[in-house]
PDB file of N, CA and C in Angstrom:
ATOM      1  N   ILE A   1      48.048   8.596 -73.881  1.00  0.00           N
ATOM      2  CA  ILE A   1      47.883   9.950 -73.644  1.00  0.00           C
ATOM      3  C   ILE A   1      48.197  10.019 -72.179  1.00  0.00           C
ATOM      4  N   ASP A   2      49.148  11.027 -71.972  1.00  0.00           N
ATOM      5  CA  ASP A   2      49.247  11.223 -70.482  1.00  0.00           C
ATOM      6  C   ASP A   2      48.409  12.313 -69.943  1.00  0.00           C
ATOM      7  N   GLU A   3      48.290  12.315 -68.554  1.00  0.00           N
ATOM      8  CA  GLU A   3      47.422  13.340 -68.056  1.00  0.00           C
ATOM      9  C   GLU A   3      47.645  14.813 -68.281  1.00  0.00           C
ATOM     10  N   VAL A   4      48.864  15.257 -68.478  1.00  0.00           N
ATOM     11  CA  VAL A   4      49.198  16.589 -68.761  1.00  0.00           C
ATOM     12  C   VAL A   4      48.685  16.883 -70.157  1.00  0.00           C
ATOM     13  N   GLN A   5      48.875  16.067 -71.109  1.00  0.00           N
ATOM     14  CA  GLN A   5      48.069  16.155 -72.460  1.00  0.00           C
ATOM     15  C   GLN A   5      46.702  16.203 -72.447  1.00  0.00           C
ATOM     16  N   LEU A   6      46.029  15.310 -71.706  1.00  0.00           N
ATOM     17  CA  LEU A   6      44.773  15.273 -71.595  1.00  0.00           C
ATOM     18  C   LEU A   6      44.208  16.584 -71.033  1.00  0.00           C
ATOM     19  N   LEU A   7      44.825  17.105 -69.989  1.00  0.00           N
ATOM     20  CA  LEU A   7      44.321  18.398 -69.337  1.00  0.00           C
ATOM     21  C   LEU A   7      44.486  19.553 -70.362  1.00  0.00           C
ATOM     22  N   HIS A   8      45.593  19.572 -71.057  1.00  0.00           N
ATOM     23  CA  HIS A   8      45.791  20.748 -72.091  1.00  0.00           C
ATOM     24  C   HIS A   8      44.748  20.681 -73.118  1.00  0.00           C
ATOM     25  N   LYS A   9      44.143  19.422 -73.406  1.00  0.00           N
ATOM     26  CA  LYS A   9      43.077  19.351 -74.355  1.00  0.00           C
ATOM     27  C   LYS A   9      41.687  20.056 -73.861  1.00  0.00           C
ATOM     28  N   VAL A  10      41.565  19.790 -72.513  1.00  0.00           N
ATOM     29  CA  VAL A  10      40.350  20.267 -71.894  1.00  0.00           C
ATOM     30  C   VAL A  10      40.509  21.632 -71.208  1.00  0.00           C
ATOM     31  N   ALA A  11      41.833  22.045 -71.128  1.00  0.00           N
ATOM     32  CA  ALA A  11      41.881  23.382 -70.287  1.00  0.00           C
ATOM     33  C   ALA A  11      43.038  24.056 -71.102  1.00  0.00           C
ATOM     34  N   PRO A  12      42.732  24.425 -72.282  1.00  0.00           N
ATOM     35  CA  PRO A  12      43.719  25.151 -73.202  1.00  0.00           C
ATOM     36  C   PRO A  12      44.344  26.616 -72.689  1.00  0.00           C
ATOM     37  N   GLU A  13      43.621  27.034 -71.598  1.00  0.00           N
ATOM     38  CA  GLU A  13      43.794  28.477 -71.176  1.00  0.00           C
ATOM     39  C   GLU A  13      44.720  28.335 -70.123  1.00  0.00           C
ATOM     40  N   ILE A  14      44.977  27.288 -69.531  1.00  0.00           N
ATOM     41  CA  ILE A  14      45.885  27.131 -68.324  1.00  0.00           C
ATOM     42  C   ILE A  14      47.311  26.861 -68.775  1.00  0.00           C
ATOM     43  N   PRO A  15      48.224  27.598 -68.139  1.00  0.00           N
ATOM     44  CA  PRO A  15      49.630  27.175 -68.575  1.00  0.00           C
ATOM     45  C   PRO A  15      50.049  25.946 -68.189  1.00  0.00           C
ATOM     46  N   GLY A  16      51.014  25.362 -69.102  1.00  0.00           N
ATOM     47  CA  GLY A  16      51.303  24.084 -68.957  1.00  0.00           C
ATOM     48  C   GLY A  16      52.135  23.713 -67.725  1.00  0.00           C
ATOM     49  N   GLN A  17      52.780  24.734 -66.931  1.00  0.00           N
ATOM     50  CA  GLN A  17      53.371  24.640 -65.690  1.00  0.00           C
ATOM     51  C   GLN A  17      52.323  24.274 -64.730  1.00  0.00           C
ATOM     52  N   LEU A  18      51.231  24.924 -64.762  1.00  0.00           N
ATOM     53  CA  LEU A  18      50.190  24.467 -63.770  1.00  0.00           C
ATOM     54  C   LEU A  18      49.609  23.223 -63.950  1.00  0.00           C
ATOM     55  N   LEU A  19      49.186  22.842 -65.286  1.00  0.00           N
ATOM     56  CA  LEU A  19      48.831  21.471 -65.477  1.00  0.00           C
ATOM     57  C   LEU A  19      49.640  20.471 -64.954  1.00  0.00           C
ATOM     58  N   SER A  20      50.941  20.699 -65.217  1.00  0.00           N
ATOM     59  CA  SER A  20      51.989  19.723 -64.657  1.00  0.00           C
ATOM     60  C   SER A  20      51.761  19.565 -63.098  1.00  0.00           C
ATOM     61  N   LYS A  21      51.809  20.637 -62.454  1.00  0.00           N
ATOM     62  CA  LYS A  21      51.658  20.914 -61.042  1.00  0.00           C
ATOM     63  C   LYS A  21      50.367  19.962 -60.728  1.00  0.00           C
ATOM     64  N   MET A  22      49.202  20.253 -61.413  1.00  0.00           N
ATOM     65  CA  MET A  22      47.947  19.649 -61.100  1.00  0.00           C
ATOM     66  C   MET A  22      48.168  18.153 -61.223  1.00  0.00           C
ATOM     67  N   VAL A  23      48.887  17.523 -62.018  1.00  0.00           N
ATOM     68  CA  VAL A  23      49.065  16.107 -62.215  1.00  0.00           C
ATOM     69  C   VAL A  23      50.018  15.601 -61.108  1.00  0.00           C
ATOM     70  N   GLU A  24      51.035  16.438 -60.773  1.00  0.00           N
ATOM     71  CA  GLU A  24      51.807  16.009 -59.434  1.00  0.00           C
ATOM     72  C   GLU A  24      50.907  15.961 -58.231  1.00  0.00           C
ATOM     73  N   ILE A  25      50.063  16.907 -57.876  1.00  0.00           N
ATOM     74  CA  ILE A  25      49.294  16.971 -56.875  1.00  0.00           C
ATOM     75  C   ILE A  25      48.294  15.729 -56.897  1.00  0.00           C
ATOM     76  N   ALA A  26      47.856  15.422 -58.011  1.00  0.00           N
ATOM     77  CA  ALA A  26      46.943  14.289 -58.137  1.00  0.00           C
ATOM     78  C   ALA A  26      47.705  13.053 -57.756  1.00  0.00           C
ATOM     79  N   ASN A  27      48.755  12.831 -58.372  1.00  0.00           N
ATOM     80  CA  ASN A  27      49.512  11.708 -58.025  1.00  0.00           C
ATOM     81  C   ASN A  27      50.001  11.685 -56.590  1.00  0.00           C
ATOM     82  N   GLU A  28      50.291  12.728 -55.881  1.00  0.00           N
ATOM     83  CA  GLU A  28      50.592  12.522 -54.415  1.00  0.00           C
ATOM     84  C   GLU A  28      49.313  12.239 -53.741  1.00  0.00           C
ATOM     85  N   ILE A  29      48.014  12.696 -54.041  1.00  0.00           N
ATOM     86  CA  ILE A  29      47.020  12.450 -53.539  1.00  0.00           C
ATOM     87  C   ILE A  29      46.642  10.807 -53.762  1.00  0.00           C
ATOM     88  N   ARG A  30      46.768  10.358 -54.751  1.00  0.00           N
ATOM     89  CA  ARG A  30      46.674   8.901 -55.017  1.00  0.00           C
ATOM     90  C   ARG A  30      47.552   8.010 -54.181  1.00  0.00           C
ATOM     91  N   LYS A  31      48.880   8.535 -53.934  1.00  0.00           N
ATOM     92  CA  LYS A  31      49.881   7.757 -53.284  1.00  0.00           C
ATOM     93  C   LYS A  31      49.406   7.822 -51.670  1.00  0.00           C
ATOM     94  N   SER A  32      49.013   8.992 -51.212  1.00  0.00           N
ATOM     95  CA  SER A  32      48.615   9.195 -49.889  1.00  0.00           C
ATOM     96  C   SER A  32      47.154   8.149 -49.677  1.00  0.00           C
ATOM     97  N   PHE A  33      46.411   8.183 -50.538  1.00  0.00           N
ATOM     98  CA  PHE A  33      45.171   7.432 -50.551  1.00  0.00           C
ATOM     99  C   PHE A  33      45.554   5.942 -50.427  1.00  0.00           C
ATOM    100  N   ALA A  34      46.594   5.427 -51.375  1.00  0.00           N
ATOM    101  CA  ALA A  34      46.945   4.183 -51.270  1.00  0.00           C
ATOM    102  C   ALA A  34      47.577   3.661 -50.105  1.00  0.00           C
ATOM    103  N   ASP A  35      48.230   4.718 -49.383  1.00  0.00           N
ATOM    104  CA  ASP A  35      48.980   4.537 -48.198  1.00  0.00           C
ATOM    105  C   ASP A  35      48.061   4.614 -46.736  1.00  0.00           C
ATOM    106  N   ASP A  36      46.708   4.671 -47.195  1.00  0.00           N
ATOM    107  CA  ASP A  36      45.684   5.019 -46.240  1.00  0.00           C
ATOM    108  C   ASP A  36      45.896   6.151 -45.414  1.00  0.00           C
ATOM    109  N   ASP A  37      46.687   7.171 -46.032  1.00  0.00           N
ATOM    110  CA  ASP A  37      46.629   8.377 -45.278  1.00  0.00           C
ATOM    111  C   ASP A  37      45.598   9.534 -45.625  1.00  0.00           C
ATOM    112  N   LEU A  38      44.966   9.284 -46.704  1.00  0.00           N
ATOM    113  CA  LEU A  38      43.631  10.002 -46.974  1.00  0.00           C
ATOM    114  C   LEU A  38      42.489   9.120 -47.209  1.00  0.00           C
ATOM    115  N   THR A  39      41.357   9.565 -47.133  1.00  0.00           N
ATOM    116  CA  THR A  39      40.231   8.881 -47.359  1.00  0.00           C
ATOM    117  C   THR A  39      39.561   9.149 -48.631  1.00  0.00           C
ATOM    118  N   THR A  40      40.128  10.091 -49.379  1.00  0.00           N
ATOM    119  CA  THR A  40      39.580  10.587 -50.695  1.00  0.00           C
ATOM    120  C   THR A  40      40.959  10.433 -51.613  1.00  0.00           C
ATOM    121  N   THR A  41      40.679  10.128 -52.846  1.00  0.00           N
ATOM    122  CA  THR A  41      41.644  10.021 -53.939  1.00  0.00           C
ATOM    123  C   THR A  41      41.231  10.951 -55.051  1.00  0.00           C
ATOM    124  N   MET A  42      42.026  11.122 -56.005  1.00  0.00           N
ATOM    125  CA  MET A  42      41.774  11.781 -57.237  1.00  0.00           C
ATOM    126  C   MET A  42      41.900  10.947 -58.503  1.00  0.00           C
ATOM    127  N   ARG A  43      40.687  10.732 -58.912  1.00  0.00           N
ATOM    128  CA  ARG A  43      40.689   9.875 -60.058  1.00  0.00           C
ATOM    129  C   ARG A  43      40.877  10.910 -61.415  1.00  0.00           C
ATOM    130  N   THR A  44      41.107  10.347 -62.507  1.00  0.00           N
ATOM    131  CA  THR A  44      41.463  11.186 -63.662  1.00  0.00           C
ATOM    132  C   THR A  44      40.305  12.110 -64.114  1.00  0.00           C
ATOM    133  N   ARG A  45      39.022  11.589 -64.001  1.00  0.00           N
ATOM    134  CA  ARG A  45      37.778  12.204 -64.173  1.00  0.00           C
ATOM    135  C   ARG A  45      37.720  13.553 -63.358  1.00  0.00           C
ATOM    136  N   THR A  46      38.124  13.414 -61.980  1.00  0.00           N
ATOM    137  CA  THR A  46      38.193  14.427 -61.049  1.00  0.00           C
ATOM    138  C   THR A  46      39.295  15.406 -61.287  1.00  0.00           C
ATOM    139  N   LEU A  47      40.445  15.009 -61.784  1.00  0.00           N
ATOM    140  CA  LEU A  47      41.458  15.868 -62.121  1.00  0.00           C
ATOM    141  C   LEU A  47      41.203  16.593 -63.458  1.00  0.00           C
ATOM    142  N   LYS A  48      40.472  16.175 -64.215  1.00  0.00           N
ATOM    143  CA  LYS A  48      39.935  16.733 -65.443  1.00  0.00           C
ATOM    144  C   LYS A  48      38.888  17.715 -65.189  1.00  0.00           C
ATOM    145  N   ARG A  49      37.844  17.351 -64.181  1.00  0.00           N
ATOM    146  CA  ARG A  49      37.050  18.329 -63.644  1.00  0.00           C
ATOM    147  C   ARG A  49      37.548  19.565 -63.099  1.00  0.00           C
ATOM    148  N   TRP A  50      38.704  19.384 -62.287  1.00  0.00           N
ATOM    149  CA  TRP A  50      39.326  20.423 -61.765  1.00  0.00           C
ATOM    150  C   TRP A  50      39.831  21.347 -62.808  1.00  0.00           C
ATOM    151  N   ALA A  51      40.480  20.768 -63.875  1.00  0.00           N
ATOM    152  CA  ALA A  51      41.109  21.495 -64.914  1.00  0.00           C
ATOM    153  C   ALA A  51      39.978  22.316 -65.797  1.00  0.00           C
ATOM    154  N   VAL A  52      38.897  21.699 -65.965  1.00  0.00           N
ATOM    155  CA  VAL A  52      37.798  22.256 -66.735  1.00  0.00           C
ATOM    156  C   VAL A  52      37.308  23.561 -65.837  1.00  0.00           C
ATOM    157  N   ILE A  53      37.040  23.371 -64.675  1.00  0.00           N
ATOM    158  CA  ILE A  53      36.652  24.584 -63.909  1.00  0.00           C
ATOM    159  C   ILE A  53      37.576  25.668 -63.849  1.00  0.00           C
ATOM    160  N   LEU A  54      38.831  25.165 -63.669  1.00  0.00           N
ATOM    161  CA  LEU A  54      39.865  26.369 -63.603  1.00  0.00           C
ATOM    162  C   LEU A  54      39.930  26.841 -64.963  1.00  0.00           C
ATOM    163  N   ASN A  55      39.885  26.339 -66.111  1.00  0.00           N
ATOM    164  CA  ASN A  55      39.946  26.613 -67.166  1.00  0.00           C
ATOM    165  C   ASN A  55      38.802  27.916 -67.518  1.00  0.00           C
ATOM    166  N   ARG A  56      37.624  27.661 -67.089  1.00  0.00           N
ATOM    167  CA  ARG A  56      36.549  28.448 -67.083  1.00  0.00           C
ATOM    168  C   ARG A  56      36.890  29.662 -66.399  1.00  0.00           C
ATOM    169  N   ARG A  57      37.618  29.609 -65.374  1.00  0.00           N
ATOM    170  CA  ARG A  57      37.944  30.812 -64.618  1.00  0.00           C
ATOM    171  C   ARG A  57      39.344  31.429 -64.814  1.00  0.00           C
ATOM    172  N   ALA A  58      40.114  30.953 -65.993  1.00  0.00           N
ATOM    173  CA  ALA A  58      41.432  31.368 -66.255  1.00  0.00           C
ATOM    174  C   ALA A  58      41.569  32.875 -66.207  1.00  0.00           C
ATOM    175  N   ALA A  59      40.642  33.564 -66.525  1.00  0.00           N
ATOM    176  CA  ALA A  59      40.762  35.086 -66.368  1.00  0.00           C
ATOM    177  C   ALA A  59      41.139  35.589 -65.065  1.00  0.00           C
ATOM    178  N   ASN A  60      40.684  34.836 -64.143  1.00  0.00           N
ATOM    179  CA  ASN A  60      40.878  35.112 -62.596  1.00  0.00           C
ATOM    180  C   ASN A  60      42.210  34.765 -62.192  1.00  0.00           C
ATOM    181  N   LEU A  61      43.110  34.030 -62.976  1.00  0.00           N
ATOM    182  CA  LEU A  61      44.560  33.663 -62.356  1.00  0.00           C
ATOM    183  C   LEU A  61      45.331  34.917 -62.672  1.00  0.00           C
ATOM    184  N   ASP A  62      46.065  35.214 -61.628  1.00  0.00           N
ATOM    185  CA  ASP A  62      47.007  36.282 -61.590  1.00  0.00           C
ATOM    186  C   ASP A  62      48.198  35.892 -61.305  1.00  0.00           C
ATOM    187  N   LYS A  63      49.079  36.747 -60.973  1.00  0.00           N
ATOM    188  CA  LYS A  63      50.588  36.281 -60.708  1.00  0.00           C
ATOM    189  C   LYS A  63      50.651  35.294 -59.696  1.00  0.00           C
ATOM    190  N   ASP A  64      49.624  35.023 -58.798  1.00  0.00           N
ATOM    191  CA  ASP A  64      49.834  34.174 -57.878  1.00  0.00           C
ATOM    192  C   ASP A  64      48.576  33.015 -58.039  1.00  0.00           C
ATOM    193  N   PRO A  65      48.916  32.059 -58.605  1.00  0.00           N
ATOM    194  CA  PRO A  65      47.715  31.179 -59.026  1.00  0.00           C
ATOM    195  C   PRO A  65      46.955  30.407 -57.847  1.00  0.00           C
ATOM    196  N   HIS A  66      47.688  30.392 -56.649  1.00  0.00           N
ATOM    197  CA  HIS A  66      47.166  29.559 -55.453  1.00  0.00           C
ATOM    198  C   HIS A  66      45.875  29.791 -55.255  1.00  0.00           C
ATOM    199  N   PRO A  67      45.299  31.121 -54.906  1.00  0.00           N
ATOM    200  CA  PRO A  67      43.879  31.216 -54.506  1.00  0.00           C
ATOM    201  C   PRO A  67      42.845  30.660 -55.650  1.00  0.00           C
ATOM    202  N   GLU A  68      43.042  30.874 -56.907  1.00  0.00           N
ATOM    203  CA  GLU A  68      42.215  30.236 -57.823  1.00  0.00           C
ATOM    204  C   GLU A  68      42.232  28.819 -57.853  1.00  0.00           C
ATOM    205  N   MET A  69      43.482  28.202 -57.820  1.00  0.00           N
ATOM    206  CA  MET A  69      43.552  26.887 -57.911  1.00  0.00           C
ATOM    207  C   MET A  69      42.922  26.216 -56.532  1.00  0.00           C
ATOM    208  N   LEU A  70      43.114  26.861 -55.404  1.00  0.00           N
ATOM    209  CA  LEU A  70      42.489  26.354 -54.327  1.00  0.00           C
ATOM    210  C   LEU A  70      40.849  26.345 -54.353  1.00  0.00           C
ATOM    211  N   PHE A  71      40.378  27.416 -54.854  1.00  0.00           N
ATOM    212  CA  PHE A  71      38.975  27.681 -55.023  1.00  0.00           C
ATOM    213  C   PHE A  71      38.458  26.435 -55.873  1.00  0.00           C
ATOM    214  N   THR A  72      39.165  26.284 -57.089  1.00  0.00           N
ATOM    215  CA  THR A  72      38.499  25.244 -58.079  1.00  0.00           C
ATOM    216  C   THR A  72      38.772  23.896 -57.550  1.00  0.00           C
ATOM    217  N   LEU A  73      39.832  23.690 -56.790  1.00  0.00           N
ATOM    218  CA  LEU A  73      40.107  22.319 -56.060  1.00  0.00           C
ATOM    219  C   LEU A  73      38.989  22.025 -55.183  1.00  0.00           C
ATOM    220  N   GLN A  74      38.499  22.904 -54.341  1.00  0.00           N
ATOM    221  CA  GLN A  74      37.315  22.761 -53.478  1.00  0.00           C
ATOM    222  C   GLN A  74      36.270  22.428 -54.290  1.00  0.00           C
ATOM    223  N   MET A  75      35.917  23.154 -55.329  1.00  0.00           N
ATOM    224  CA  MET A  75      34.748  22.917 -56.132  1.00  0.00           C
ATOM    225  C   MET A  75      34.765  21.442 -56.684  1.00  0.00           C
ATOM    226  N   ALA A  76      36.030  21.135 -57.254  1.00  0.00           N
ATOM    227  CA  ALA A  76      36.152  19.637 -57.955  1.00  0.00           C
ATOM    228  C   ALA A  76      36.207  18.442 -57.041  1.00  0.00           C
ATOM    229  N   LEU A  77      36.834  18.746 -55.838  1.00  0.00           N
ATOM    230  CA  LEU A  77      37.141  17.494 -54.865  1.00  0.00           C
ATOM    231  C   LEU A  77      36.850  17.787 -53.504  1.00  0.00           C
ATOM    232  N   THR A  78      37.455  18.836 -52.817  1.00  0.00           N
ATOM    233  CA  THR A  78      37.659  18.887 -51.498  1.00  0.00           C
ATOM    234  C   THR A  78      36.384  19.260 -50.743  1.00  0.00           C
ATOM    235  N   ASN A  79      35.445  19.966 -51.332  1.00  0.00           N
ATOM    236  CA  ASN A  79      34.193  20.171 -50.612  1.00  0.00           C
ATOM    237  C   ASN A  79      33.435  18.929 -50.328  1.00  0.00           C
ATOM    238  N   LEU A  80      33.746  17.824 -50.943  1.00  0.00           N
ATOM    239  CA  LEU A  80      32.936  16.573 -50.818  1.00  0.00           C
ATOM    240  C   LEU A  80      33.911  15.763 -49.982  1.00  0.00           C
ATOM    241  N   ALA A  81      35.007  16.054 -49.781  1.00  0.00           N
ATOM    242  CA  ALA A  81      35.821  15.235 -48.730  1.00  0.00           C
ATOM    243  C   ALA A  81      35.674  15.417 -47.063  1.00  0.00           C
ATOM    244  N   ASP A  82      36.083  14.452 -46.277  1.00  0.00           N
ATOM    245  CA  ASP A  82      36.025  14.619 -45.058  1.00  0.00           C
ATOM    246  C   ASP A  82      36.934  15.731 -44.632  1.00  0.00           C
ATOM    247  N   HIS A  83      36.695  16.461 -43.616  1.00  0.00           N
ATOM    248  CA  HIS A  83      37.652  17.599 -43.165  1.00  0.00           C
ATOM    249  C   HIS A  83      38.976  17.215 -43.040  1.00  0.00           C
ATOM    250  N   ALA A  84      39.440  16.197 -42.471  1.00  0.00           N
ATOM    251  CA  ALA A  84      41.121  15.868 -42.292  1.00  0.00           C
ATOM    252  C   ALA A  84      41.591  15.631 -43.753  1.00  0.00           C
ATOM    253  N   SER A  85      40.802  14.929 -44.749  1.00  0.00           N
ATOM    254  CA  SER A  85      41.478  14.774 -45.894  1.00  0.00           C
ATOM    255  C   SER A  85      41.508  16.136 -46.722  1.00  0.00           C
ATOM    256  N   ALA A  86      40.271  16.851 -46.656  1.00  0.00           N
ATOM    257  CA  ALA A  86      40.273  18.154 -47.368  1.00  0.00           C
ATOM    258  C   ALA A  86      41.326  18.903 -46.899  1.00  0.00           C
ATOM    259  N   PHE A  87      41.657  19.171 -45.680  1.00  0.00           N
ATOM    260  CA  PHE A  87      42.708  19.923 -45.057  1.00  0.00           C
ATOM    261  C   PHE A  87      43.955  19.468 -45.693  1.00  0.00           C
ATOM    262  N   ALA A  88      44.408  18.168 -45.585  1.00  0.00           N
ATOM    263  CA  ALA A  88      45.734  17.635 -46.031  1.00  0.00           C
ATOM    264  C   ALA A  88      45.756  17.874 -47.470  1.00  0.00           C
ATOM    265  N   ILE A  89      44.823  17.651 -48.326  1.00  0.00           N
ATOM    266  CA  ILE A  89      44.906  17.852 -49.692  1.00  0.00           C
ATOM    267  C   ILE A  89      45.074  19.454 -50.063  1.00  0.00           C
ATOM    268  N   GLU A  90      44.548  20.272 -49.118  1.00  0.00           N
ATOM    269  CA  GLU A  90      44.747  21.692 -49.533  1.00  0.00           C
ATOM    270  C   GLU A  90      46.024  22.198 -49.164  1.00  0.00           C
ATOM    271  N   GLU A  91      46.592  21.642 -48.078  1.00  0.00           N
ATOM    272  CA  GLU A  91      47.999  21.707 -47.740  1.00  0.00           C
ATOM    273  C   GLU A  91      48.920  21.345 -48.801  1.00  0.00           C
ATOM    274  N   LEU A  92      48.673  20.284 -49.238  1.00  0.00           N
ATOM    275  CA  LEU A  92      49.480  19.760 -50.368  1.00  0.00           C
ATOM    276  C   LEU A  92      49.433  20.714 -51.616  1.00  0.00           C
ATOM    277  N   LEU A  93      48.390  21.143 -51.951  1.00  0.00           N
ATOM    278  CA  LEU A  93      48.256  22.174 -52.996  1.00  0.00           C
ATOM    279  C   LEU A  93      49.124  23.293 -52.733  1.00  0.00           C
ATOM    280  N   GLN A  94      49.067  23.841 -51.462  1.00  0.00           N
ATOM    281  CA  GLN A  94      49.929  24.945 -51.096  1.00  0.00           C
ATOM    282  C   GLN A  94      51.440  24.614 -51.277  1.00  0.00           C
ATOM    283  N   ARG A  95      51.886  23.450 -50.850  1.00  0.00           N
ATOM    284  CA  ARG A  95      53.264  23.065 -51.016  1.00  0.00           C
ATOM    285  C   ARG A  95      53.705  23.169 -52.344  1.00  0.00           C
ATOM    286  N   HIS A  96      52.652  22.645 -53.399  1.00  0.00           N
ATOM    287  CA  HIS A  96      53.094  22.453 -54.683  1.00  0.00           C
ATOM    288  C   HIS A  96      53.230  23.749 -55.380  1.00  0.00           C
ATOM    289  N   VAL A  97      52.384  24.851 -55.222  1.00  0.00           N
ATOM    290  CA  VAL A  97      52.328  25.979 -55.889  1.00  0.00           C
ATOM    291  C   VAL A  97      52.865  27.195 -55.170  1.00  0.00           C
ATOM    292  N   LYS A  98      53.250  26.965 -53.949  1.00  0.00           N
ATOM    293  CA  LYS A  98      53.898  28.127 -53.333  1.00  0.00           C
ATOM    294  C   LYS A  98      55.105  28.645 -54.158  1.00  0.00           C
ATOM    295  N   GLY A  99      55.140  29.911 -54.279  1.00  0.00           N
ATOM    296  CA  GLY A  99      56.161  30.535 -54.993  1.00  0.00           C
ATOM    297  C   GLY A  99      56.222  30.560 -56.466  1.00  0.00           C
ATOM    298  N   ILE A 100      55.008  29.739 -57.079  1.00  0.00           N
ATOM    299  CA  ILE A 100      54.770  29.964 -58.591  1.00  0.00           C
ATOM    300  C   ILE A 100      54.243  31.305 -58.906  1.00  0.00           C
ATOM    301  N   THR A 101      54.867  31.940 -60.030  1.00  0.00           N
ATOM    302  CA  THR A 101      54.346  33.080 -60.639  1.00  0.00           C
ATOM    303  C   THR A 101      53.967  32.902 -62.150  1.00  0.00           C
ATOM    304  N   LEU A 102      52.868  33.691 -62.404  1.00  0.00           N
ATOM    305  CA  LEU A 102      52.749  33.490 -63.904  1.00  0.00           C
ATOM    306  C   LEU A 102      53.025  34.746 -64.477  1.00  0.00           C
TER     307      LEU A 102
END
């Protein structure tokens, strides 16, 4: 089972377009971690936690999903990361979801 399918099972209220973006973001975080550009990575369980939190707050998603995705990413990952990694990951989220409308 691929990660998008896994996320769909735990977060059925989240549009597939956003679930795919979440996996893309996770993969980019993993690559940056492997390249020693970040001190924090995103394991599948963290990605799943992000999706579950976002799913619980799906009613808050509006035309611009960025604010809610950022808030839930902070809850799932970046609040526990060092400042530089958190900043880089949050910028990565911005690049991936900029311009997406629901």
